[in-house]
PDB file of N, CA and C in Angstrom:
ATOM      1  N   MET A   1     198.188 172.674 224.925  1.00  0.00           N
ATOM      2  CA  MET A   1     197.228 172.523 223.850  1.00  0.00           C
ATOM      3  C   MET A   1     197.920 172.669 222.485  1.00  0.00           C
ATOM      4  N   PHE A   2     198.782 173.670 222.406  1.00  0.00           N
ATOM      5  CA  PHE A   2     199.504 173.888 221.157  1.00  0.00           C
ATOM      6  C   PHE A   2     200.351 172.674 220.806  1.00  0.00           C
ATOM      7  N   ARG A   3     200.929 172.048 221.784  1.00  0.00           N
ATOM      8  CA  ARG A   3     201.779 170.886 221.581  1.00  0.00           C
ATOM      9  C   ARG A   3     200.982 169.721 220.979  1.00  0.00           C
ATOM     10  N   ILE A   4     199.803 169.520 221.467  1.00  0.00           N
ATOM     11  CA  ILE A   4     198.953 168.426 220.978  1.00  0.00           C
ATOM     12  C   ILE A   4     198.542 168.703 219.530  1.00  0.00           C
ATOM     13  N   ILE A   5     198.187 169.935 219.219  1.00  0.00           N
ATOM     14  CA  ILE A   5     197.787 170.298 217.861  1.00  0.00           C
ATOM     15  C   ILE A   5     198.975 170.115 216.917  1.00  0.00           C
ATOM     16  N   PHE A   6     200.146 170.512 217.366  1.00  0.00           N
ATOM     17  CA  PHE A   6     201.342 170.368 216.547  1.00  0.00           C
ATOM     18  C   PHE A   6     201.639 168.903 216.274  1.00  0.00           C
ATOM     19  N   ILE A   7     201.546 168.053 217.268  1.00  0.00           N
ATOM     20  CA  ILE A   7     201.819 166.624 217.090  1.00  0.00           C
ATOM     21  C   ILE A   7     200.792 165.998 216.147  1.00  0.00           C
ATOM     22  N   VAL A   8     199.538 166.351 216.285  1.00  0.00           N
ATOM     23  CA  VAL A   8     198.506 165.836 215.399  1.00  0.00           C
ATOM     24  C   VAL A   8     198.768 166.303 213.961  1.00  0.00           C
ATOM     25  N   PHE A   9     199.147 167.553 213.819  1.00  0.00           N
ATOM     26  CA  PHE A   9     199.446 168.092 212.492  1.00  0.00           C
ATOM     27  C   PHE A   9     200.625 167.369 211.837  1.00  0.00           C
ATOM     28  N   VAL A  10     201.672 167.088 212.590  1.00  0.00           N
ATOM     29  CA  VAL A  10     202.835 166.387 212.065  1.00  0.00           C
ATOM     30  C   VAL A  10     202.455 164.969 211.647  1.00  0.00           C
ATOM     31  N   PHE A  11     201.699 164.282 212.450  1.00  0.00           N
ATOM     32  CA  PHE A  11     201.258 162.935 212.071  1.00  0.00           C
ATOM     33  C   PHE A  11     200.337 162.963 210.856  1.00  0.00           C
ATOM     34  N   TRP A  12     199.518 163.983 210.774  1.00  0.00           N
ATOM     35  CA  TRP A  12     198.625 164.119 209.632  1.00  0.00           C
ATOM     36  C   TRP A  12     199.432 164.344 208.346  1.00  0.00           C
ATOM     37  N   LEU A  13     200.480 165.189 208.406  1.00  0.00           N
ATOM     38  CA  LEU A  13     201.327 165.420 207.237  1.00  0.00           C
ATOM     39  C   LEU A  13     202.105 164.178 206.842  1.00  0.00           C
ATOM     40  N   SER A  14     202.531 163.424 207.825  1.00  0.00           N
ATOM     41  CA  SER A  14     203.330 162.239 207.519  1.00  0.00           C
ATOM     42  C   SER A  14     202.483 161.095 206.959  1.00  0.00           C
ATOM     43  N   SER A  15     201.192 161.215 207.003  1.00  0.00           N
ATOM     44  CA  SER A  15     200.346 160.153 206.477  1.00  0.00           C
ATOM     45  C   SER A  15     200.225 160.220 204.945  1.00  0.00           C
ATOM     46  N   PHE A  16     200.598 161.350 204.331  1.00  0.00           N
ATOM     47  CA  PHE A  16     200.540 161.478 202.879  1.00  0.00           C
ATOM     48  C   PHE A  16     201.723 160.745 202.246  1.00  0.00           C
ATOM     49  N   PRO A  17     201.504 160.103 201.123  1.00  0.00           N
ATOM     50  CA  PRO A  17     202.628 159.432 200.458  1.00  0.00           C
ATOM     51  C   PRO A  17     203.605 160.468 199.886  1.00  0.00           C
ATOM     52  N   VAL A  18     204.854 160.171 200.012  1.00  0.00           N
ATOM     53  CA  VAL A  18     205.890 161.090 199.544  1.00  0.00           C
ATOM     54  C   VAL A  18     206.479 160.527 198.252  1.00  0.00           C
ATOM     55  N   ASN A  19     206.388 161.302 197.190  1.00  0.00           N
ATOM     56  CA  ASN A  19     206.909 160.895 195.888  1.00  0.00           C
ATOM     57  C   ASN A  19     208.024 161.811 195.422  1.00  0.00           C
ATOM     58  N   ALA A  20     208.724 162.448 196.326  1.00  0.00           N
ATOM     59  CA  ALA A  20     209.757 163.401 195.949  1.00  0.00           C
ATOM     60  C   ALA A  20     211.002 162.706 195.419  1.00  0.00           C
ATOM     61  N   GLN A  21     211.270 161.516 195.862  1.00  0.00           N
ATOM     62  CA  GLN A  21     212.463 160.813 195.425  1.00  0.00           C
ATOM     63  C   GLN A  21     212.070 159.609 194.587  1.00  0.00           C
ATOM     64  N   GLN A  22     212.933 159.321 193.635  1.00  0.00           N
ATOM     65  CA  GLN A  22     212.705 158.154 192.802  1.00  0.00           C
ATOM     66  C   GLN A  22     214.022 157.428 192.612  1.00  0.00           C
ATOM     67  N   LEU A  23     213.938 156.167 192.387  1.00  0.00           N
ATOM     68  CA  LEU A  23     215.123 155.347 192.210  1.00  0.00           C
ATOM     69  C   LEU A  23     215.601 155.464 190.766  1.00  0.00           C
ATOM     70  N   LEU A  24     216.878 155.828 190.599  1.00  0.00           N
ATOM     71  CA  LEU A  24     217.460 155.967 189.269  1.00  0.00           C
ATOM     72  C   LEU A  24     218.594 154.978 189.095  1.00  0.00           C
ATOM     73  N   THR A  25     218.697 154.473 187.897  1.00  0.00           N
ATOM     74  CA  THR A  25     219.862 153.648 187.594  1.00  0.00           C
ATOM     75  C   THR A  25     221.023 154.581 187.260  1.00  0.00           C
ATOM     76  N   GLU A  26     222.200 154.011 187.187  1.00  0.00           N
ATOM     77  CA  GLU A  26     223.372 154.830 186.876  1.00  0.00           C
ATOM     78  C   GLU A  26     223.252 155.442 185.481  1.00  0.00           C
ATOM     79  N   ARG A  27     222.757 154.676 184.556  1.00  0.00           N
ATOM     80  CA  ARG A  27     222.598 155.154 183.181  1.00  0.00           C
ATOM     81  C   ARG A  27     221.583 156.301 183.121  1.00  0.00           C
ATOM     82  N   ASP A  28     220.466 156.181 183.847  1.00  0.00           N
ATOM     83  CA  ASP A  28     219.469 157.251 183.875  1.00  0.00           C
ATOM     84  C   ASP A  28     220.036 158.515 184.504  1.00  0.00           C
ATOM     85  N   ALA A  29     220.797 158.357 185.581  1.00  0.00           N
ATOM     86  CA  ALA A  29     221.375 159.509 186.265  1.00  0.00           C
ATOM     87  C   ALA A  29     222.362 160.241 185.361  1.00  0.00           C
ATOM     88  N   VAL A  30     223.180 159.491 184.649  1.00  0.00           N
ATOM     89  CA  VAL A  30     224.160 160.113 183.755  1.00  0.00           C
ATOM     90  C   VAL A  30     223.453 160.808 182.596  1.00  0.00           C
ATOM     91  N   SER A  31     222.452 160.179 182.023  1.00  0.00           N
ATOM     92  CA  SER A  31     221.752 160.793 180.888  1.00  0.00           C
ATOM     93  C   SER A  31     221.010 162.063 181.318  1.00  0.00           C
ATOM     94  N   LYS A  32     220.426 162.074 182.504  1.00  0.00           N
ATOM     95  CA  LYS A  32     219.761 163.284 183.003  1.00  0.00           C
ATOM     96  C   LYS A  32     220.776 164.380 183.294  1.00  0.00           C
ATOM     97  N   ALA A  33     221.915 164.001 183.847  1.00  0.00           N
ATOM     98  CA  ALA A  33     222.953 164.996 184.136  1.00  0.00           C
ATOM     99  C   ALA A  33     223.487 165.609 182.848  1.00  0.00           C
ATOM    100  N   LEU A  34     223.700 164.778 181.829  1.00  0.00           N
ATOM    101  CA  LEU A  34     224.197 165.301 180.556  1.00  0.00           C
ATOM    102  C   LEU A  34     223.155 166.177 179.861  1.00  0.00           C
ATOM    103  N   ALA A  35     221.895 165.812 179.972  1.00  0.00           N
ATOM    104  CA  ALA A  35     220.837 166.576 179.319  1.00  0.00           C
ATOM    105  C   ALA A  35     220.604 167.925 179.991  1.00  0.00           C
ATOM    106  N   ASN A  36     220.853 168.019 181.282  1.00  0.00           N
ATOM    107  CA  ASN A  36     220.557 169.245 182.021  1.00  0.00           C
ATOM    108  C   ASN A  36     221.776 170.109 182.295  1.00  0.00           C
ATOM    109  N   SER A  37     222.947 169.700 181.885  1.00  0.00           N
ATOM    110  CA  SER A  37     224.162 170.462 182.157  1.00  0.00           C
ATOM    111  C   SER A  37     224.293 171.615 181.177  1.00  0.00           C
ATOM    112  N   LYS A  38     224.351 172.826 181.687  1.00  0.00           N
ATOM    113  CA  LYS A  38     224.476 174.008 180.828  1.00  0.00           C
ATOM    114  C   LYS A  38     225.848 174.065 180.172  1.00  0.00           C
ATOM    115  N   ASN A  39     226.884 173.626 180.860  1.00  0.00           N
ATOM    116  CA  ASN A  39     228.228 173.631 180.278  1.00  0.00           C
ATOM    117  C   ASN A  39     228.309 172.683 179.090  1.00  0.00           C
ATOM    118  N   ILE A  40     227.701 171.523 179.218  1.00  0.00           N
ATOM    119  CA  ILE A  40     227.731 170.558 178.125  1.00  0.00           C
ATOM    120  C   ILE A  40     226.891 171.056 176.954  1.00  0.00           C
ATOM    121  N   GLN A  41     225.786 171.697 177.231  1.00  0.00           N
ATOM    122  CA  GLN A  41     224.967 172.249 176.157  1.00  0.00           C
ATOM    123  C   GLN A  41     225.718 173.349 175.411  1.00  0.00           C
ATOM    124  N   ALA A  42     226.438 174.197 176.152  1.00  0.00           N
ATOM    125  CA  ALA A  42     227.210 175.263 175.517  1.00  0.00           C
ATOM    126  C   ALA A  42     228.344 174.676 174.676  1.00  0.00           C
ATOM    127  N   ALA A  43     229.019 173.667 175.195  1.00  0.00           N
ATOM    128  CA  ALA A  43     230.102 173.035 174.437  1.00  0.00           C
ATOM    129  C   ALA A  43     229.556 172.358 173.182  1.00  0.00           C
ATOM    130  N   SER A  44     228.391 171.763 173.280  1.00  0.00           N
ATOM    131  CA  SER A  44     227.777 171.122 172.119  1.00  0.00           C
ATOM    132  C   SER A  44     227.459 172.155 171.037  1.00  0.00           C
ATOM    133  N   LEU A  45     226.988 173.321 171.445  1.00  0.00           N
ATOM    134  CA  LEU A  45     226.708 174.378 170.466  1.00  0.00           C
ATOM    135  C   LEU A  45     227.993 174.898 169.831  1.00  0.00           C
ATOM    136  N   GLN A  46     229.074 174.980 170.601  1.00  0.00           N
ATOM    137  CA  GLN A  46     230.354 175.408 170.042  1.00  0.00           C
ATOM    138  C   GLN A  46     230.866 174.382 169.022  1.00  0.00           C
ATOM    139  N   ILE A  47     230.686 173.110 169.315  1.00  0.00           N
ATOM    140  CA  ILE A  47     231.104 172.071 168.372  1.00  0.00           C
ATOM    141  C   ILE A  47     230.301 172.175 167.080  1.00  0.00           C
ATOM    142  N   LYS A  48     228.988 172.364 167.191  1.00  0.00           N
ATOM    143  CA  LYS A  48     228.150 172.509 165.992  1.00  0.00           C
ATOM    144  C   LYS A  48     228.561 173.738 165.184  1.00  0.00           C
ATOM    145  N   GLU A  49     228.887 174.826 165.894  1.00  0.00           N
ATOM    146  CA  GLU A  49     229.322 176.041 165.214  1.00  0.00           C
ATOM    147  C   GLU A  49     230.611 175.792 164.424  1.00  0.00           C
ATOM    148  N   GLN A  50     231.568 175.125 165.044  1.00  0.00           N
ATOM    149  CA  GLN A  50     232.834 174.847 164.375  1.00  0.00           C
ATOM    150  C   GLN A  50     232.644 173.893 163.192  1.00  0.00           C
ATOM    151  N   GLN A  51     231.736 172.936 163.323  1.00  0.00           N
ATOM    152  CA  GLN A  51     231.471 172.028 162.211  1.00  0.00           C
ATOM    153  C   GLN A  51     230.873 172.778 161.027  1.00  0.00           C
ATOM    154  N   GLN A  52     230.009 173.748 161.306  1.00  0.00           N
ATOM    155  CA  GLN A  52     229.441 174.546 160.226  1.00  0.00           C
ATOM    156  C   GLN A  52     230.502 175.441 159.583  1.00  0.00           C
ATOM    157  N   LEU A  53     231.423 175.953 160.393  1.00  0.00           N
ATOM    158  CA  LEU A  53     232.473 176.813 159.853  1.00  0.00           C
ATOM    159  C   LEU A  53     233.460 176.027 158.997  1.00  0.00           C
ATOM    160  N   VAL A  54     233.689 174.768 159.321  1.00  0.00           N
ATOM    161  CA  VAL A  54     234.603 173.948 158.533  1.00  0.00           C
ATOM    162  C   VAL A  54     234.066 173.768 157.122  1.00  0.00           C
ATOM    163  N   LYS A  55     232.769 173.649 156.979  1.00  0.00           N
ATOM    164  CA  LYS A  55     232.167 173.473 155.659  1.00  0.00           C
ATOM    165  C   LYS A  55     232.406 174.681 154.760  1.00  0.00           C
ATOM    166  N   SER A  56     232.505 175.861 155.348  1.00  0.00           N
ATOM    167  CA  SER A  56     232.670 177.073 154.547  1.00  0.00           C
ATOM    168  C   SER A  56     234.103 177.595 154.569  1.00  0.00           C
ATOM    169  N   ALA A  57     235.032 176.811 155.022  1.00  0.00           N
ATOM    170  CA  ALA A  57     236.411 177.280 155.191  1.00  0.00           C
ATOM    171  C   ALA A  57     237.304 176.871 154.036  1.00  0.00           C
ATOM    172  N   ILE A  58     236.838 177.051 152.829  1.00  0.00           N
ATOM    173  CA  ILE A  58     237.673 176.757 151.666  1.00  0.00           C
ATOM    174  C   ILE A  58     238.609 177.943 151.489  1.00  0.00           C
ATOM    175  N   ASN A  59     239.888 177.690 151.580  1.00  0.00           N
ATOM    176  CA  ASN A  59     240.873 178.750 151.512  1.00  0.00           C
ATOM    177  C   ASN A  59     241.494 178.773 150.125  1.00  0.00           C
ATOM    178  N   LEU A  60     240.950 179.619 149.277  1.00  0.00           N
ATOM    179  CA  LEU A  60     241.492 179.755 147.933  1.00  0.00           C
ATOM    180  C   LEU A  60     242.654 180.742 147.974  1.00  0.00           C
ATOM    181  N   PRO A  61     243.733 180.459 147.251  1.00  0.00           N
ATOM    182  CA  PRO A  61     244.836 181.411 147.235  1.00  0.00           C
ATOM    183  C   PRO A  61     244.456 182.662 146.453  1.00  0.00           C
ATOM    184  N   ASN A  62     245.076 183.760 146.805  1.00  0.00           N
ATOM    185  CA  ASN A  62     244.808 185.002 146.089  1.00  0.00           C
ATOM    186  C   ASN A  62     245.353 184.898 144.663  1.00  0.00           C
ATOM    187  N   PRO A  63     244.575 185.302 143.670  1.00  0.00           N
ATOM    188  CA  PRO A  63     245.067 185.220 142.295  1.00  0.00           C
ATOM    189  C   PRO A  63     246.131 186.292 142.038  1.00  0.00           C
ATOM    190  N   GLU A  64     247.070 185.939 141.196  1.00  0.00           N
ATOM    191  CA  GLU A  64     248.107 186.884 140.799  1.00  0.00           C
ATOM    192  C   GLU A  64     247.932 187.177 139.312  1.00  0.00           C
ATOM    193  N   PHE A  65     247.983 188.438 138.984  1.00  0.00           N
ATOM    194  CA  PHE A  65     247.792 188.856 137.596  1.00  0.00           C
ATOM    195  C   PHE A  65     249.111 189.431 137.067  1.00  0.00           C
ATOM    196  N   PHE A  66     249.553 188.912 135.935  1.00  0.00           N
ATOM    197  CA  PHE A  66     250.786 189.385 135.311  1.00  0.00           C
ATOM    198  C   PHE A  66     250.450 190.042 133.985  1.00  0.00           C
ATOM    199  N   TRP A  67     251.027 191.192 133.760  1.00  0.00           N
ATOM    200  CA  TRP A  67     250.839 191.931 132.516  1.00  0.00           C
ATOM    201  C   TRP A  67     252.231 192.150 131.940  1.00  0.00           C
ATOM    202  N   GLU A  68     252.515 191.501 130.808  1.00  0.00           N
ATOM    203  CA  GLU A  68     253.867 191.529 130.248  1.00  0.00           C
ATOM    204  C   GLU A  68     253.842 191.918 128.768  1.00  0.00           C
ATOM    205  N   SER A  69     254.979 192.388 128.357  1.00  0.00           N
ATOM    206  CA  SER A  69     255.201 192.641 126.933  1.00  0.00           C
ATOM    207  C   SER A  69     256.582 192.087 126.590  1.00  0.00           C
ATOM    208  N   PRO A  70     256.662 190.768 126.351  1.00  0.00           N
ATOM    209  CA  PRO A  70     257.979 190.179 126.127  1.00  0.00           C
ATOM    210  C   PRO A  70     258.662 190.650 124.836  1.00  0.00           C
ATOM    211  N   THR A  71     257.897 190.897 123.781  1.00  0.00           N
ATOM    212  CA  THR A  71     258.504 191.316 122.514  1.00  0.00           C
ATOM    213  C   THR A  71     258.420 192.818 122.309  1.00  0.00           C
ATOM    214  N   GLY A  72     257.635 193.487 123.069  1.00  0.00           N
ATOM    215  CA  GLY A  72     257.463 194.922 122.918  1.00  0.00           C
ATOM    216  C   GLY A  72     256.349 195.306 121.975  1.00  0.00           C
ATOM    217  N   ASN A  73     255.785 194.354 121.249  1.00  0.00           N
ATOM    218  CA  ASN A  73     254.735 194.659 120.286  1.00  0.00           C
ATOM    219  C   ASN A  73     253.333 194.597 120.876  1.00  0.00           C
ATOM    220  N   PHE A  74     253.108 193.684 121.738  1.00  0.00           N
ATOM    221  CA  PHE A  74     251.771 193.541 122.327  1.00  0.00           C
ATOM    222  C   PHE A  74     251.923 193.078 123.789  1.00  0.00           C
ATOM    223  N   TYR A  75     250.870 193.274 124.503  1.00  0.00           N
ATOM    224  CA  TYR A  75     250.875 192.884 125.913  1.00  0.00           C
ATOM    225  C   TYR A  75     250.100 191.578 126.085  1.00  0.00           C
ATOM    226  N   THR A  76     250.589 190.772 126.979  1.00  0.00           N
ATOM    227  CA  THR A  76     249.875 189.532 127.331  1.00  0.00           C
ATOM    228  C   THR A  76     249.601 189.540 128.824  1.00  0.00           C
ATOM    229  N   GLY A  77     248.455 189.078 129.173  1.00  0.00           N
ATOM    230  CA  GLY A  77     248.096 188.988 130.582  1.00  0.00           C
ATOM    231  C   GLY A  77     247.902 187.550 130.979  1.00  0.00           C
ATOM    232  N   SER A  78     248.214 187.280 132.223  1.00  0.00           N
ATOM    233  CA  SER A  78     248.002 185.915 132.718  1.00  0.00           C
ATOM    234  C   SER A  78     247.587 185.996 134.178  1.00  0.00           C
ATOM    235  N   ILE A  79     246.783 185.056 134.531  1.00  0.00           N
ATOM    236  CA  ILE A  79     246.310 184.951 135.924  1.00  0.00           C
ATOM    237  C   ILE A  79     246.748 183.590 136.450  1.00  0.00           C
ATOM    238  N   THR A  80     247.451 183.606 137.562  1.00  0.00           N
ATOM    239  CA  THR A  80     247.861 182.339 138.169  1.00  0.00           C
ATOM    240  C   THR A  80     247.380 182.270 139.597  1.00  0.00           C
TER     241      THR A  80
END
């Protein structure tokens, strides 16, 4: 009896349409893989971070201040 119920149940389940799989083109598969990849998302954020840092990476040289008295009468200062 159990066998008959099991067979009927299996046939009943198999009568429902299955939509678990879908046909993807190569382009769709690649775009979904790139969109869902955590490694690629992390690398993209690192690239954005570095691009933002480049904008603020102006390296000005340290100024040098000279204080001199060439004639002994007065002092002159200069910044280079």
